[in-house]
């Protein structure tokens, strides 16, 4: 077990940018208005379980279908790249559908623990220690829980333009992370 503060911070920032809970506040508020109540605890716990489970069995699933982690990380860097482009340019590539209920399904999956998050987790696993990734997941889920609980207050304080600025900043960070993941894993494909 190798606890590394720098790795924990890096993994936390990657997952924070991919999960994009701040950018999802408008969707969360829309859900709350439709259904009246958001199950913050349940959504956070289920998303945490999904992510940690995928961290441990995701690579085994890949091996079962004959894909190595480097290939998945390179493919993941493309997914993260497009997520970042979506955040920076304000275009919609992945989130075509709007959930109709505030149950665990649209919140925990795919809003919090979606395809981008799963790809990022396996990409991080190729570079960082598992314990640091688990701590990063837990830190993010605590933050997600806080945001879900107080999304209305956050929107009132930050405002829509503030949320857009934060989303664009994290989009640029995510873009840089995608480039780094691509560069560090592409070499592994040719060895």
N, C-alpha and C. Protein backbone atom coordinates (compact mmCIF):
# COMPACT_ATOMS: atom_id res chain seq x y z
N UNK A 1 0.84 -1.19 0.00
CA UNK A 1 0.00 0.00 0.00
C UNK A 1 0.88 1.25 0.00
N UNK A 2 0.76 2.04 -1.05
CA UNK A 2 1.58 3.24 -1.18
C UNK A 2 0.69 4.47 -1.22
N UNK A 3 0.58 5.14 -0.07
CA UNK A 3 -0.19 6.39 -0.02
C UNK A 3 0.69 7.52 -0.53
N UNK A 4 0.23 8.22 -1.53
CA UNK A 4 0.99 9.31 -2.12
C UNK A 4 0.05 10.51 -2.28
N UNK A 5 0.32 11.57 -1.54
CA UNK A 5 -0.55 12.75 -1.54
C UNK A 5 -0.70 13.34 -2.94
N UNK A 6 0.42 13.39 -3.68
CA UNK A 6 0.37 13.95 -5.04
C UNK A 6 -0.54 13.12 -5.95
N UNK A 7 -0.44 11.78 -5.85
CA UNK A 7 -1.30 10.89 -6.64
C UNK A 7 -2.77 11.07 -6.27
N UNK A 8 -3.02 11.18 -4.95
CA UNK A 8 -4.41 11.35 -4.49
C UNK A 8 -5.00 12.64 -5.06
N UNK A 9 -4.22 13.72 -4.99
CA UNK A 9 -4.69 15.02 -5.51
C UNK A 9 -4.93 14.93 -7.02
N UNK A 10 -3.98 14.33 -7.75
CA UNK A 10 -4.13 14.21 -9.21
C UNK A 10 -5.37 13.40 -9.57
N UNK A 11 -5.52 12.23 -8.94
CA UNK A 11 -6.68 11.37 -9.22
C UNK A 11 -7.98 12.07 -8.84
N UNK A 12 -7.96 12.79 -7.71
CA UNK A 12 -9.15 13.52 -7.28
C UNK A 12 -9.54 14.58 -8.30
N UNK A 13 -8.55 15.31 -8.79
CA UNK A 13 -8.83 16.36 -9.77
C UNK A 13 -9.34 15.78 -11.09
N UNK A 14 -8.74 14.66 -11.54
CA UNK A 14 -9.19 14.02 -12.78
C UNK A 14 -10.66 13.61 -12.63
N UNK A 15 -10.97 12.89 -11.55
CA UNK A 15 -12.34 12.41 -11.35
C UNK A 15 -13.31 13.57 -11.15
N UNK A 16 -12.86 14.63 -10.44
CA UNK A 16 -13.71 15.79 -10.23
C UNK A 16 -14.08 16.43 -11.56
N UNK A 17 -13.09 16.54 -12.44
CA UNK A 17 -13.34 17.14 -13.75
C UNK A 17 -14.24 16.26 -14.60
N UNK A 18 -14.03 14.94 -14.55
CA UNK A 18 -14.83 14.03 -15.38
C UNK A 18 -16.27 13.92 -14.87
N UNK A 19 -16.41 13.76 -13.55
CA UNK A 19 -17.75 13.66 -12.96
C UNK A 19 -18.52 14.95 -13.21
N UNK A 20 -17.83 16.09 -13.14
CA UNK A 20 -18.39 17.40 -13.45
C UNK A 20 -19.71 17.67 -12.71
N UNK A 21 -19.68 17.46 -11.41
CA UNK A 21 -20.89 17.62 -10.61
C UNK A 21 -21.35 19.09 -10.59
N UNK A 22 -20.39 20.01 -10.65
CA UNK A 22 -20.74 21.44 -10.69
C UNK A 22 -21.48 21.76 -11.99
N UNK A 23 -20.96 21.24 -13.11
CA UNK A 23 -21.62 21.45 -14.40
C UNK A 23 -22.96 20.75 -14.51
N UNK A 24 -23.16 19.73 -13.64
CA UNK A 24 -24.43 18.99 -13.65
C UNK A 24 -25.49 19.61 -12.75
N UNK A 25 -25.15 20.68 -12.04
CA UNK A 25 -26.12 21.33 -11.14
C UNK A 25 -27.42 21.70 -11.86
N UNK A 26 -27.36 22.27 -13.09
CA UNK A 26 -28.63 22.56 -13.77
C UNK A 26 -29.50 21.31 -13.98
N UNK A 27 -28.87 20.17 -14.32
CA UNK A 27 -29.62 18.93 -14.51
C UNK A 27 -30.20 18.46 -13.18
N UNK A 28 -29.41 18.58 -12.10
CA UNK A 28 -29.86 18.17 -10.76
C UNK A 28 -31.05 19.02 -10.32
N UNK A 29 -30.97 20.33 -10.58
CA UNK A 29 -32.06 21.24 -10.20
C UNK A 29 -33.31 20.92 -11.02
N UNK A 30 -33.11 20.63 -12.30
CA UNK A 30 -34.24 20.26 -13.15
C UNK A 30 -34.91 18.97 -12.64
N UNK A 31 -34.08 18.01 -12.22
CA UNK A 31 -34.61 16.76 -11.64
C UNK A 31 -35.40 17.05 -10.36
N UNK A 32 -34.82 17.90 -9.50
CA UNK A 32 -35.48 18.23 -8.24
C UNK A 32 -36.83 18.90 -8.51
N UNK A 33 -36.89 19.77 -9.49
CA UNK A 33 -38.15 20.44 -9.83
C UNK A 33 -39.20 19.46 -10.36
N UNK A 34 -38.76 18.46 -11.13
CA UNK A 34 -39.69 17.48 -11.69
C UNK A 34 -40.23 16.53 -10.63
N UNK A 35 -39.32 16.03 -9.77
CA UNK A 35 -39.70 14.96 -8.84
C UNK A 35 -39.91 15.45 -7.42
N UNK A 36 -39.30 16.56 -7.06
CA UNK A 36 -39.48 17.12 -5.73
C UNK A 36 -38.44 16.73 -4.72
N UNK A 37 -37.74 15.60 -4.92
CA UNK A 37 -36.74 15.16 -3.95
C UNK A 37 -35.61 14.40 -4.64
N UNK A 38 -34.39 14.70 -4.21
CA UNK A 38 -33.22 13.99 -4.74
C UNK A 38 -32.69 13.08 -3.63
N UNK A 39 -32.46 11.82 -3.97
CA UNK A 39 -31.93 10.87 -2.99
C UNK A 39 -30.40 10.98 -2.96
N UNK A 40 -29.88 12.01 -2.28
CA UNK A 40 -28.45 12.31 -2.28
C UNK A 40 -27.61 11.17 -1.72
N UNK A 41 -28.02 10.64 -0.54
CA UNK A 41 -27.24 9.59 0.12
C UNK A 41 -27.18 8.35 -0.76
N UNK A 42 -28.33 7.91 -1.22
CA UNK A 42 -28.42 6.69 -2.02
C UNK A 42 -27.62 6.83 -3.32
N UNK A 43 -27.78 7.94 -4.01
CA UNK A 43 -27.05 8.17 -5.26
C UNK A 43 -25.54 8.16 -5.04
N UNK A 44 -25.08 8.82 -3.97
CA UNK A 44 -23.64 8.89 -3.68
C UNK A 44 -23.07 7.52 -3.34
N UNK A 45 -23.78 6.76 -2.52
CA UNK A 45 -23.30 5.43 -2.10
C UNK A 45 -23.27 4.48 -3.29
N UNK A 46 -24.33 4.46 -4.09
CA UNK A 46 -24.37 3.57 -5.25
C UNK A 46 -23.28 3.93 -6.25
N UNK A 47 -23.07 5.22 -6.52
CA UNK A 47 -22.02 5.65 -7.45
C UNK A 47 -20.64 5.23 -6.94
N UNK A 48 -20.41 5.35 -5.63
CA UNK A 48 -19.13 4.94 -5.03
C UNK A 48 -18.91 3.45 -5.23
N UNK A 49 -19.94 2.65 -4.96
CA UNK A 49 -19.84 1.19 -5.13
C UNK A 49 -19.57 0.83 -6.58
N UNK A 50 -20.27 1.48 -7.50
CA UNK A 50 -20.06 1.20 -8.93
C UNK A 50 -18.61 1.50 -9.32
N UNK A 51 -18.09 2.66 -8.91
CA UNK A 51 -16.73 3.05 -9.31
C UNK A 51 -15.67 2.15 -8.70
N UNK A 52 -15.78 1.85 -7.41
CA UNK A 52 -14.77 1.00 -6.77
C UNK A 52 -14.83 -0.43 -7.33
N UNK A 53 -16.03 -0.93 -7.58
CA UNK A 53 -16.17 -2.26 -8.17
C UNK A 53 -15.52 -2.29 -9.55
N UNK A 54 -15.78 -1.25 -10.35
CA UNK A 54 -15.20 -1.20 -11.69
C UNK A 54 -13.69 -1.09 -11.64
N UNK A 55 -13.15 -0.43 -10.62
CA UNK A 55 -11.71 -0.31 -10.44
C UNK A 55 -11.08 -1.70 -10.30
N UNK A 56 -11.77 -2.60 -9.59
CA UNK A 56 -11.22 -3.94 -9.35
C UNK A 56 -11.54 -4.95 -10.46
N UNK A 57 -12.72 -4.87 -11.05
CA UNK A 57 -13.09 -5.89 -12.06
C UNK A 57 -13.01 -5.37 -13.49
N UNK A 58 -12.85 -4.08 -13.68
CA UNK A 58 -12.80 -3.51 -15.02
C UNK A 58 -11.69 -4.10 -15.87
N UNK A 59 -10.49 -4.22 -15.28
CA UNK A 59 -9.35 -4.76 -16.02
C UNK A 59 -9.56 -6.24 -16.35
N UNK A 60 -10.17 -6.99 -15.42
CA UNK A 60 -10.47 -8.41 -15.66
C UNK A 60 -11.46 -8.56 -16.82
N UNK A 61 -12.44 -7.68 -16.86
CA UNK A 61 -13.41 -7.71 -17.96
C UNK A 61 -12.70 -7.44 -19.28
N UNK A 62 -11.77 -6.47 -19.26
CA UNK A 62 -11.01 -6.16 -20.48
C UNK A 62 -10.18 -7.36 -20.93
N UNK A 63 -9.51 -8.02 -19.97
CA UNK A 63 -8.70 -9.19 -20.32
C UNK A 63 -9.57 -10.30 -20.90
N UNK A 64 -10.76 -10.44 -20.36
CA UNK A 64 -11.69 -11.46 -20.83
C UNK A 64 -12.03 -11.25 -22.31
N UNK A 65 -12.12 -9.98 -22.72
CA UNK A 65 -12.42 -9.70 -24.13
C UNK A 65 -11.17 -9.37 -24.95
N UNK A 66 -9.99 -9.52 -24.32
CA UNK A 66 -8.72 -9.40 -25.05
C UNK A 66 -8.21 -8.00 -25.29
N UNK A 67 -8.46 -7.08 -24.36
CA UNK A 67 -7.97 -5.71 -24.50
C UNK A 67 -7.04 -5.40 -23.32
N UNK A 68 -5.85 -4.85 -23.61
CA UNK A 68 -4.93 -4.50 -22.52
C UNK A 68 -5.24 -3.10 -21.99
N UNK A 69 -4.73 -2.81 -20.78
CA UNK A 69 -5.02 -1.55 -20.10
C UNK A 69 -4.51 -0.35 -20.89
N UNK A 70 -3.34 -0.48 -21.53
CA UNK A 70 -2.79 0.63 -22.33
C UNK A 70 -3.72 1.01 -23.47
N UNK A 71 -4.27 0.00 -24.16
CA UNK A 71 -5.21 0.27 -25.25
C UNK A 71 -6.45 0.98 -24.73
N UNK A 72 -6.95 0.49 -23.59
CA UNK A 72 -8.14 1.09 -22.99
C UNK A 72 -7.86 2.52 -22.54
N UNK A 73 -6.64 2.74 -21.99
CA UNK A 73 -6.27 4.08 -21.52
C UNK A 73 -6.16 5.05 -22.70
N UNK A 74 -5.62 4.58 -23.83
CA UNK A 74 -5.53 5.44 -25.02
C UNK A 74 -6.94 5.76 -25.52
N UNK A 75 -7.79 4.73 -25.60
CA UNK A 75 -9.18 4.96 -26.01
C UNK A 75 -9.87 5.90 -25.01
N UNK A 76 -9.59 5.68 -23.72
CA UNK A 76 -10.15 6.54 -22.68
C UNK A 76 -9.70 7.98 -22.80
N UNK A 77 -8.45 8.17 -23.24
CA UNK A 77 -7.96 9.54 -23.40
C UNK A 77 -8.77 10.28 -24.46
N UNK A 78 -9.24 9.53 -25.50
CA UNK A 78 -10.09 10.15 -26.52
C UNK A 78 -11.45 10.55 -25.92
N UNK A 79 -12.03 9.65 -25.11
CA UNK A 79 -13.31 9.94 -24.46
C UNK A 79 -13.17 11.18 -23.57
N UNK A 80 -12.11 11.20 -22.76
CA UNK A 80 -11.87 12.33 -21.86
C UNK A 80 -11.64 13.60 -22.67
N UNK A 81 -10.92 13.48 -23.79
CA UNK A 81 -10.68 14.62 -24.68
C UNK A 81 -11.99 15.22 -25.16
N UNK A 82 -12.91 14.36 -25.62
CA UNK A 82 -14.19 14.86 -26.12
C UNK A 82 -15.06 15.44 -25.00
N UNK A 83 -14.98 14.83 -23.80
CA UNK A 83 -15.69 15.41 -22.65
C UNK A 83 -15.17 16.81 -22.36
N UNK A 84 -13.84 16.96 -22.44
CA UNK A 84 -13.21 18.27 -22.19
C UNK A 84 -13.63 19.28 -23.25
N UNK A 85 -13.64 18.86 -24.51
CA UNK A 85 -14.08 19.74 -25.61
C UNK A 85 -15.52 20.19 -25.36
N UNK A 86 -16.35 19.22 -24.93
CA UNK A 86 -17.75 19.52 -24.62
C UNK A 86 -17.86 20.60 -23.53
N UNK A 87 -17.01 20.47 -22.49
CA UNK A 87 -17.05 21.42 -21.38
C UNK A 87 -16.55 22.80 -21.79
N UNK A 88 -15.46 22.82 -22.56
CA UNK A 88 -14.84 24.10 -22.94
C UNK A 88 -15.70 24.85 -23.97
N UNK A 89 -16.19 24.12 -24.98
CA UNK A 89 -16.93 24.77 -26.06
C UNK A 89 -18.44 24.88 -25.81
N UNK A 90 -18.92 24.18 -24.77
CA UNK A 90 -20.34 24.24 -24.45
C UNK A 90 -21.23 23.49 -25.42
N UNK A 91 -20.64 22.50 -26.12
CA UNK A 91 -21.44 21.67 -27.03
C UNK A 91 -21.85 20.39 -26.32
N UNK A 92 -22.84 19.70 -26.83
CA UNK A 92 -23.30 18.46 -26.21
C UNK A 92 -22.98 17.29 -27.13
N UNK A 93 -22.07 16.41 -26.66
CA UNK A 93 -21.69 15.23 -27.42
C UNK A 93 -22.29 13.98 -26.79
N UNK A 94 -22.20 13.88 -25.46
CA UNK A 94 -22.60 12.66 -24.77
C UNK A 94 -23.98 12.71 -24.12
N UNK A 95 -24.33 13.82 -23.54
CA UNK A 95 -25.55 13.88 -22.73
C UNK A 95 -26.75 14.32 -23.56
N UNK A 96 -27.22 13.44 -24.42
CA UNK A 96 -28.38 13.75 -25.25
C UNK A 96 -29.67 13.60 -24.45
N UNK A 97 -29.70 12.58 -23.59
CA UNK A 97 -30.93 12.27 -22.87
C UNK A 97 -30.97 12.95 -21.52
N UNK A 98 -32.15 13.42 -21.15
CA UNK A 98 -32.35 14.03 -19.83
C UNK A 98 -33.17 13.07 -18.99
N UNK A 99 -32.63 12.70 -17.82
CA UNK A 99 -33.37 11.76 -16.98
C UNK A 99 -34.71 12.31 -16.55
N UNK A 100 -35.68 11.43 -16.41
CA UNK A 100 -37.03 11.85 -16.06
C UNK A 100 -37.37 11.68 -14.59
N UNK A 101 -36.57 10.91 -13.87
CA UNK A 101 -36.80 10.73 -12.43
C UNK A 101 -35.51 10.97 -11.67
N UNK A 102 -35.64 11.21 -10.37
CA UNK A 102 -34.45 11.46 -9.54
C UNK A 102 -34.07 10.24 -8.74
N UNK A 103 -34.29 9.06 -9.32
CA UNK A 103 -33.91 7.83 -8.64
C UNK A 103 -32.40 7.61 -8.79
N UNK A 104 -31.92 6.51 -8.26
CA UNK A 104 -30.50 6.19 -8.32
C UNK A 104 -30.02 6.06 -9.76
N UNK A 105 -30.87 5.50 -10.63
CA UNK A 105 -30.44 5.24 -12.01
C UNK A 105 -29.94 6.49 -12.74
N UNK A 106 -30.68 7.57 -12.85
CA UNK A 106 -30.09 8.68 -13.59
C UNK A 106 -29.02 9.44 -12.82
N UNK A 107 -29.07 9.43 -11.49
CA UNK A 107 -28.06 10.17 -10.73
C UNK A 107 -26.76 9.39 -10.58
N UNK A 108 -26.82 8.22 -9.93
CA UNK A 108 -25.61 7.44 -9.69
C UNK A 108 -25.01 6.96 -11.01
N UNK A 109 -25.88 6.50 -11.90
CA UNK A 109 -25.46 6.05 -13.22
C UNK A 109 -26.51 6.47 -14.22
N UNK A 110 -26.21 7.23 -15.22
CA UNK A 110 -24.90 7.58 -15.76
C UNK A 110 -24.40 8.98 -15.39
N UNK A 111 -25.16 9.78 -14.63
CA UNK A 111 -24.75 11.16 -14.38
C UNK A 111 -23.43 11.24 -13.61
N UNK A 112 -23.31 10.48 -12.50
CA UNK A 112 -22.09 10.55 -11.68
C UNK A 112 -21.07 9.52 -12.16
N UNK A 113 -21.45 8.26 -12.18
CA UNK A 113 -20.55 7.17 -12.58
C UNK A 113 -20.87 6.75 -14.01
N UNK A 114 -20.60 7.63 -14.94
CA UNK A 114 -20.91 7.35 -16.34
C UNK A 114 -19.72 6.78 -17.09
N UNK A 115 -19.84 6.75 -18.40
CA UNK A 115 -18.80 6.16 -19.26
C UNK A 115 -17.46 6.88 -19.11
N UNK A 116 -17.50 8.20 -19.04
CA UNK A 116 -16.27 8.97 -18.88
C UNK A 116 -15.57 8.66 -17.57
N UNK A 117 -16.36 8.50 -16.51
CA UNK A 117 -15.80 8.19 -15.20
C UNK A 117 -15.16 6.81 -15.20
N UNK A 118 -15.85 5.82 -15.78
CA UNK A 118 -15.32 4.45 -15.85
C UNK A 118 -14.03 4.41 -16.66
N UNK A 119 -14.03 5.10 -17.78
CA UNK A 119 -12.84 5.17 -18.62
C UNK A 119 -11.69 5.81 -17.85
N UNK A 120 -11.98 6.88 -17.15
CA UNK A 120 -10.95 7.58 -16.36
C UNK A 120 -10.38 6.69 -15.27
N UNK A 121 -11.25 5.93 -14.60
CA UNK A 121 -10.80 5.05 -13.52
C UNK A 121 -9.80 4.02 -14.05
N UNK A 122 -10.11 3.40 -15.18
CA UNK A 122 -9.18 2.41 -15.73
C UNK A 122 -7.92 3.08 -16.27
N UNK A 123 -8.06 4.28 -16.81
CA UNK A 123 -6.88 5.01 -17.29
C UNK A 123 -5.98 5.38 -16.11
N UNK A 124 -6.58 5.80 -15.00
CA UNK A 124 -5.81 6.13 -13.80
C UNK A 124 -5.13 4.89 -13.24
N UNK A 125 -5.84 3.74 -13.32
CA UNK A 125 -5.28 2.50 -12.80
C UNK A 125 -4.00 2.11 -13.52
N UNK A 126 -3.88 2.51 -14.78
CA UNK A 126 -2.67 2.22 -15.55
C UNK A 126 -1.47 3.01 -15.04
N UNK A 127 -1.72 4.10 -14.32
CA UNK A 127 -0.62 4.97 -13.89
C UNK A 127 -0.45 5.12 -12.38
N UNK A 128 -1.52 4.96 -11.61
CA UNK A 128 -1.45 5.26 -10.18
C UNK A 128 -1.81 4.05 -9.32
N UNK A 129 -1.43 4.12 -8.03
CA UNK A 129 -1.72 3.03 -7.09
C UNK A 129 -3.21 2.99 -6.76
N UNK A 130 -3.74 1.78 -6.62
CA UNK A 130 -5.17 1.56 -6.39
C UNK A 130 -5.68 2.29 -5.15
N UNK A 131 -4.92 2.24 -4.07
CA UNK A 131 -5.39 2.86 -2.82
C UNK A 131 -5.58 4.36 -2.99
N UNK A 132 -4.72 5.00 -3.78
CA UNK A 132 -4.85 6.44 -4.02
C UNK A 132 -6.08 6.76 -4.87
N UNK A 133 -6.39 5.87 -5.81
CA UNK A 133 -7.58 6.05 -6.65
C UNK A 133 -8.84 5.88 -5.79
N UNK A 134 -8.84 4.88 -4.91
CA UNK A 134 -10.00 4.66 -4.02
C UNK A 134 -10.22 5.89 -3.14
N UNK A 135 -9.15 6.43 -2.57
CA UNK A 135 -9.28 7.65 -1.74
C UNK A 135 -9.81 8.82 -2.57
N UNK A 136 -9.35 8.92 -3.83
CA UNK A 136 -9.83 9.99 -4.72
C UNK A 136 -11.32 9.81 -5.01
N UNK A 137 -11.76 8.57 -5.21
CA UNK A 137 -13.18 8.29 -5.45
C UNK A 137 -14.00 8.71 -4.23
N UNK A 138 -13.53 8.33 -3.04
CA UNK A 138 -14.26 8.66 -1.80
C UNK A 138 -14.32 10.17 -1.59
N UNK A 139 -13.20 10.87 -1.81
CA UNK A 139 -13.18 12.33 -1.67
C UNK A 139 -14.20 12.96 -2.63
N UNK A 140 -14.21 12.48 -3.87
CA UNK A 140 -15.16 13.00 -4.86
C UNK A 140 -16.60 12.72 -4.47
N UNK A 141 -16.86 11.54 -3.94
CA UNK A 141 -18.23 11.18 -3.57
C UNK A 141 -18.72 12.00 -2.38
N UNK A 142 -17.82 12.35 -1.46
CA UNK A 142 -18.20 13.25 -0.36
C UNK A 142 -18.59 14.60 -0.94
N UNK A 143 -17.79 15.09 -1.90
CA UNK A 143 -18.10 16.36 -2.53
C UNK A 143 -19.40 16.29 -3.33
N UNK A 144 -19.60 15.17 -4.05
CA UNK A 144 -20.83 14.98 -4.82
C UNK A 144 -22.04 15.00 -3.88
N UNK A 145 -21.91 14.32 -2.75
CA UNK A 145 -23.00 14.29 -1.77
C UNK A 145 -23.34 15.70 -1.28
N UNK A 146 -22.30 16.47 -0.97
CA UNK A 146 -22.51 17.86 -0.50
C UNK A 146 -23.21 18.69 -1.58
N UNK A 147 -22.75 18.53 -2.83
CA UNK A 147 -23.35 19.29 -3.94
C UNK A 147 -24.81 18.88 -4.15
N UNK A 148 -25.08 17.56 -4.11
CA UNK A 148 -26.45 17.10 -4.28
C UNK A 148 -27.35 17.64 -3.18
N UNK A 149 -26.84 17.65 -1.96
CA UNK A 149 -27.63 18.13 -0.82
C UNK A 149 -27.92 19.63 -0.91
N UNK A 150 -26.95 20.38 -1.45
CA UNK A 150 -27.10 21.85 -1.42
C UNK A 150 -27.04 22.47 -2.81
N UNK A 151 -27.52 21.77 -3.83
CA UNK A 151 -27.43 22.27 -5.21
C UNK A 151 -28.17 23.58 -5.42
N UNK A 152 -29.31 23.73 -4.80
CA UNK A 152 -30.09 24.96 -4.95
C UNK A 152 -29.34 26.16 -4.37
N UNK A 153 -28.76 25.98 -3.17
CA UNK A 153 -27.99 27.05 -2.54
C UNK A 153 -26.77 27.42 -3.38
N UNK A 154 -26.10 26.40 -3.91
CA UNK A 154 -24.91 26.63 -4.73
C UNK A 154 -25.28 27.44 -5.97
N UNK A 155 -26.37 27.07 -6.61
CA UNK A 155 -26.80 27.81 -7.80
C UNK A 155 -27.10 29.26 -7.47
N UNK A 156 -27.75 29.50 -6.32
CA UNK A 156 -28.06 30.87 -5.91
C UNK A 156 -26.81 31.69 -5.64
N UNK A 157 -25.78 31.06 -5.03
CA UNK A 157 -24.55 31.78 -4.68
C UNK A 157 -23.67 32.02 -5.91
N UNK A 158 -23.41 30.96 -6.68
CA UNK A 158 -22.49 31.06 -7.82
C UNK A 158 -23.17 31.69 -9.03
N UNK A 159 -24.41 31.34 -9.28
CA UNK A 159 -25.11 31.84 -10.45
C UNK A 159 -24.77 31.01 -11.68
N UNK A 160 -25.56 31.15 -12.72
CA UNK A 160 -25.35 30.35 -13.93
C UNK A 160 -24.04 30.69 -14.63
N UNK A 161 -23.66 31.96 -14.65
CA UNK A 161 -22.41 32.33 -15.31
C UNK A 161 -21.21 31.80 -14.53
N UNK A 162 -21.30 31.78 -13.20
CA UNK A 162 -20.22 31.22 -12.37
C UNK A 162 -20.04 29.74 -12.62
N UNK A 163 -21.14 29.03 -12.74
CA UNK A 163 -21.09 27.59 -13.03
C UNK A 163 -20.45 27.35 -14.40
N UNK A 164 -20.79 28.18 -15.38
CA UNK A 164 -20.20 28.05 -16.72
C UNK A 164 -18.70 28.30 -16.71
N UNK A 165 -18.24 29.29 -15.92
CA UNK A 165 -16.81 29.58 -15.82
C UNK A 165 -16.07 28.40 -15.20
N UNK A 166 -16.61 27.86 -14.10
CA UNK A 166 -15.99 26.71 -13.43
C UNK A 166 -15.93 25.53 -14.38
N UNK A 167 -16.99 25.31 -15.11
CA UNK A 167 -17.05 24.18 -16.05
C UNK A 167 -15.97 24.32 -17.12
N UNK A 168 -15.76 25.53 -17.64
CA UNK A 168 -14.75 25.75 -18.69
C UNK A 168 -13.34 25.57 -18.14
N UNK A 169 -13.09 26.02 -16.92
CA UNK A 169 -11.77 25.85 -16.29
C UNK A 169 -11.46 24.36 -16.15
N UNK A 170 -12.42 23.58 -15.63
CA UNK A 170 -12.19 22.15 -15.48
C UNK A 170 -12.11 21.44 -16.83
N UNK A 171 -12.74 22.00 -17.85
CA UNK A 171 -12.62 21.45 -19.19
C UNK A 171 -11.20 21.54 -19.71
N UNK A 172 -10.54 22.68 -19.47
CA UNK A 172 -9.15 22.87 -19.90
C UNK A 172 -8.23 21.92 -19.13
N UNK A 173 -8.46 21.77 -17.81
CA UNK A 173 -7.68 20.84 -17.00
C UNK A 173 -7.85 19.42 -17.55
N UNK A 174 -9.07 19.05 -17.85
CA UNK A 174 -9.38 17.72 -18.38
C UNK A 174 -8.72 17.50 -19.73
N UNK A 175 -8.67 18.53 -20.55
CA UNK A 175 -8.02 18.46 -21.86
C UNK A 175 -6.53 18.13 -21.69
N UNK A 176 -5.88 18.81 -20.76
CA UNK A 176 -4.46 18.55 -20.48
C UNK A 176 -4.24 17.13 -19.96
N UNK A 177 -5.16 16.65 -19.12
CA UNK A 177 -5.07 15.30 -18.58
C UNK A 177 -5.23 14.28 -19.69
N UNK A 178 -6.14 14.52 -20.63
CA UNK A 178 -6.35 13.61 -21.76
C UNK A 178 -5.08 13.49 -22.60
N UNK A 179 -4.43 14.62 -22.84
CA UNK A 179 -3.18 14.63 -23.62
C UNK A 179 -2.11 13.84 -22.88
N UNK A 180 -2.01 14.04 -21.57
CA UNK A 180 -1.01 13.31 -20.76
C UNK A 180 -1.28 11.81 -20.76
N UNK A 181 -2.53 11.40 -20.59
CA UNK A 181 -2.89 9.98 -20.61
C UNK A 181 -2.54 9.36 -21.96
N UNK A 182 -2.85 10.08 -23.03
CA UNK A 182 -2.55 9.58 -24.37
C UNK A 182 -1.05 9.40 -24.55
N UNK A 183 -0.28 10.44 -24.20
CA UNK A 183 1.17 10.41 -24.39
C UNK A 183 1.84 9.31 -23.58
N UNK A 184 1.40 9.10 -22.34
CA UNK A 184 2.06 8.11 -21.49
C UNK A 184 1.65 6.68 -21.81
N UNK A 185 0.49 6.47 -22.41
CA UNK A 185 0.03 5.10 -22.70
C UNK A 185 0.24 4.67 -24.15
N UNK A 186 0.41 5.62 -25.07
CA UNK A 186 0.59 5.25 -26.48
C UNK A 186 1.89 4.49 -26.67
N UNK A 187 2.92 4.81 -25.86
CA UNK A 187 4.21 4.11 -25.96
C UNK A 187 4.06 2.64 -25.60
N UNK A 188 3.19 2.33 -24.62
CA UNK A 188 2.97 0.97 -24.20
C UNK A 188 2.37 0.07 -25.27
N UNK A 189 1.70 0.67 -26.24
CA UNK A 189 1.09 -0.10 -27.33
C UNK A 189 2.15 -0.62 -28.31
N UNK A 190 3.27 0.08 -28.41
CA UNK A 190 4.28 -0.30 -29.39
C UNK A 190 5.46 -1.06 -28.81
N UNK A 191 5.36 -1.46 -27.53
CA UNK A 191 6.44 -2.22 -26.90
C UNK A 191 6.16 -3.70 -26.97
